């Protein structure tokens, strides 16, 4: 799985971070950071939930 974020759409509201903090992080500068573009297989379901939670649909995945 490869994770991609459209940072032009992203509002950095941290819903993705709440679901998959191993992959997404909103820092003190209020910007989202993608900690890994290719998360481990055991994180795939968490990432899929984070994609569904994103209100701006800024996160996509490719298998």
C-alpha atoms as a PDB file:
ATOM      1  CA  UNK A   1       0.000   0.000   0.000  1.00  0.00           C
ATOM      2  CA  UNK A   2       1.177   3.504  -0.847  1.00  0.00           C
ATOM      3  CA  UNK A   3      -0.357   6.535   0.885  1.00  0.00           C
ATOM      4  CA  UNK A   4      -0.685   9.896  -0.818  1.00  0.00           C
ATOM      5  CA  UNK A   5      -1.921  13.196   0.594  1.00  0.00           C
ATOM      6  CA  UNK A   6      -3.131  16.135  -1.449  1.00  0.00           C
ATOM      7  CA  UNK A   7      -1.741  18.868   0.753  1.00  0.00           C
ATOM      8  CA  UNK A   8      -3.687  21.518  -1.187  1.00  0.00           C
ATOM      9  CA  UNK A   9      -6.921  19.904   0.062  1.00  0.00           C
ATOM     10  CA  UNK A  10      -5.718  18.933   3.537  1.00  0.00           C
ATOM     11  CA  UNK A  11      -6.991  21.059   6.438  1.00  0.00           C
ATOM     12  CA  UNK A  12      -4.734  19.356   9.019  1.00  0.00           C
ATOM     13  CA  UNK A  13      -7.678  18.574  11.273  1.00  0.00           C
ATOM     14  CA  UNK A  14      -5.868  15.471  12.607  1.00  0.00           C
ATOM     15  CA  UNK A  15      -8.683  12.945  12.184  1.00  0.00           C
ATOM     16  CA  UNK A  16      -6.270  10.761  10.240  1.00  0.00           C
ATOM     17  CA  UNK A  17      -3.670  11.101  12.985  1.00  0.00           C
ATOM     18  CA  UNK A  18      -6.227  10.012  15.558  1.00  0.00           C
ATOM     19  CA  UNK A  19      -6.848   6.853  13.552  1.00  0.00           C
ATOM     20  CA  UNK A  20      -3.294   6.052  12.414  1.00  0.00           C
ATOM     21  CA  UNK A  21      -0.682   8.025  14.389  1.00  0.00           C
ATOM     22  CA  UNK A  22       2.018   5.699  13.064  1.00  0.00           C
ATOM     23  CA  UNK A  23       1.422   7.147   9.583  1.00  0.00           C
ATOM     24  CA  UNK A  24       0.054  10.689  10.037  1.00  0.00           C
ATOM     25  CA  UNK A  25       1.167  13.500  12.333  1.00  0.00           C
ATOM     26  CA  UNK A  26      -0.048  17.066  12.761  1.00  0.00           C
ATOM     27  CA  UNK A  27       2.740  19.026  14.401  1.00  0.00           C
ATOM     28  CA  UNK A  28       2.817  22.274  16.357  1.00  0.00           C
ATOM     29  CA  UNK A  29       3.062  24.190  13.077  1.00  0.00           C
ATOM     30  CA  UNK A  30      -0.468  22.901  12.254  1.00  0.00           C
ATOM     31  CA  UNK A  31       0.677  21.032   9.152  1.00  0.00           C
ATOM     32  CA  UNK A  32       0.113  17.362   8.423  1.00  0.00           C
ATOM     33  CA  UNK A  33       3.183  15.201   7.927  1.00  0.00           C
ATOM     34  CA  UNK A  34       3.150  11.794   6.324  1.00  0.00           C
ATOM     35  CA  UNK A  35       5.500   9.683   8.434  1.00  0.00           C
ATOM     36  CA  UNK A  36       5.669   6.851   5.928  1.00  0.00           C
ATOM     37  CA  UNK A  37       4.395   6.539   2.374  1.00  0.00           C
ATOM     38  CA  UNK A  38       4.393   2.740   2.575  1.00  0.00           C
ATOM     39  CA  UNK A  39       3.000   1.642   5.942  1.00  0.00           C
ATOM     40  CA  UNK A  40       3.515  -1.867   7.249  1.00  0.00           C
ATOM     41  CA  UNK A  41       0.841  -4.427   6.332  1.00  0.00           C
ATOM     42  CA  UNK A  42      -0.562  -4.456   9.861  1.00  0.00           C
ATOM     43  CA  UNK A  43      -1.417  -0.737   9.534  1.00  0.00           C
ATOM     44  CA  UNK A  44      -3.449  -1.057   6.337  1.00  0.00           C
ATOM     45  CA  UNK A  45      -6.860  -1.196   8.009  1.00  0.00           C
ATOM     46  CA  UNK A  46      -6.032   1.827  10.177  1.00  0.00           C
ATOM     47  CA  UNK A  47      -4.978   3.754   7.072  1.00  0.00           C
ATOM     48  CA  UNK A  48      -8.168   2.763   5.256  1.00  0.00           C
ATOM     49  CA  UNK A  49     -10.222   4.067   8.188  1.00  0.00           C
ATOM     50  CA  UNK A  50      -8.193   7.304   8.155  1.00  0.00           C
ATOM     51  CA  UNK A  51      -8.954   7.720   4.438  1.00  0.00           C
ATOM     52  CA  UNK A  52     -12.682   7.320   5.117  1.00  0.00           C
ATOM     53  CA  UNK A  53     -12.564   9.823   8.005  1.00  0.00           C
ATOM     54  CA  UNK A  54     -10.878  12.603   6.038  1.00  0.00           C
ATOM     55  CA  UNK A  55     -13.544  15.298   5.569  1.00  0.00           C
ATOM     56  CA  UNK A  56     -11.722  16.798   2.569  1.00  0.00           C
ATOM     57  CA  UNK A  57     -10.915  13.446   0.934  1.00  0.00           C
ATOM     58  CA  UNK A  58      -7.284  14.546   0.781  1.00  0.00           C
ATOM     59  CA  UNK A  59      -5.858  11.065   1.450  1.00  0.00           C
ATOM     60  CA  UNK A  60      -5.694   8.292  -1.114  1.00  0.00           C
ATOM     61  CA  UNK A  61      -4.058   4.883  -1.245  1.00  0.00           C
ATOM     62  CA  UNK A  62      -2.778   2.599  -3.974  1.00  0.00           C
ATOM     63  CA  UNK A  63      -2.119  -1.100  -3.565  1.00  0.00           C
END
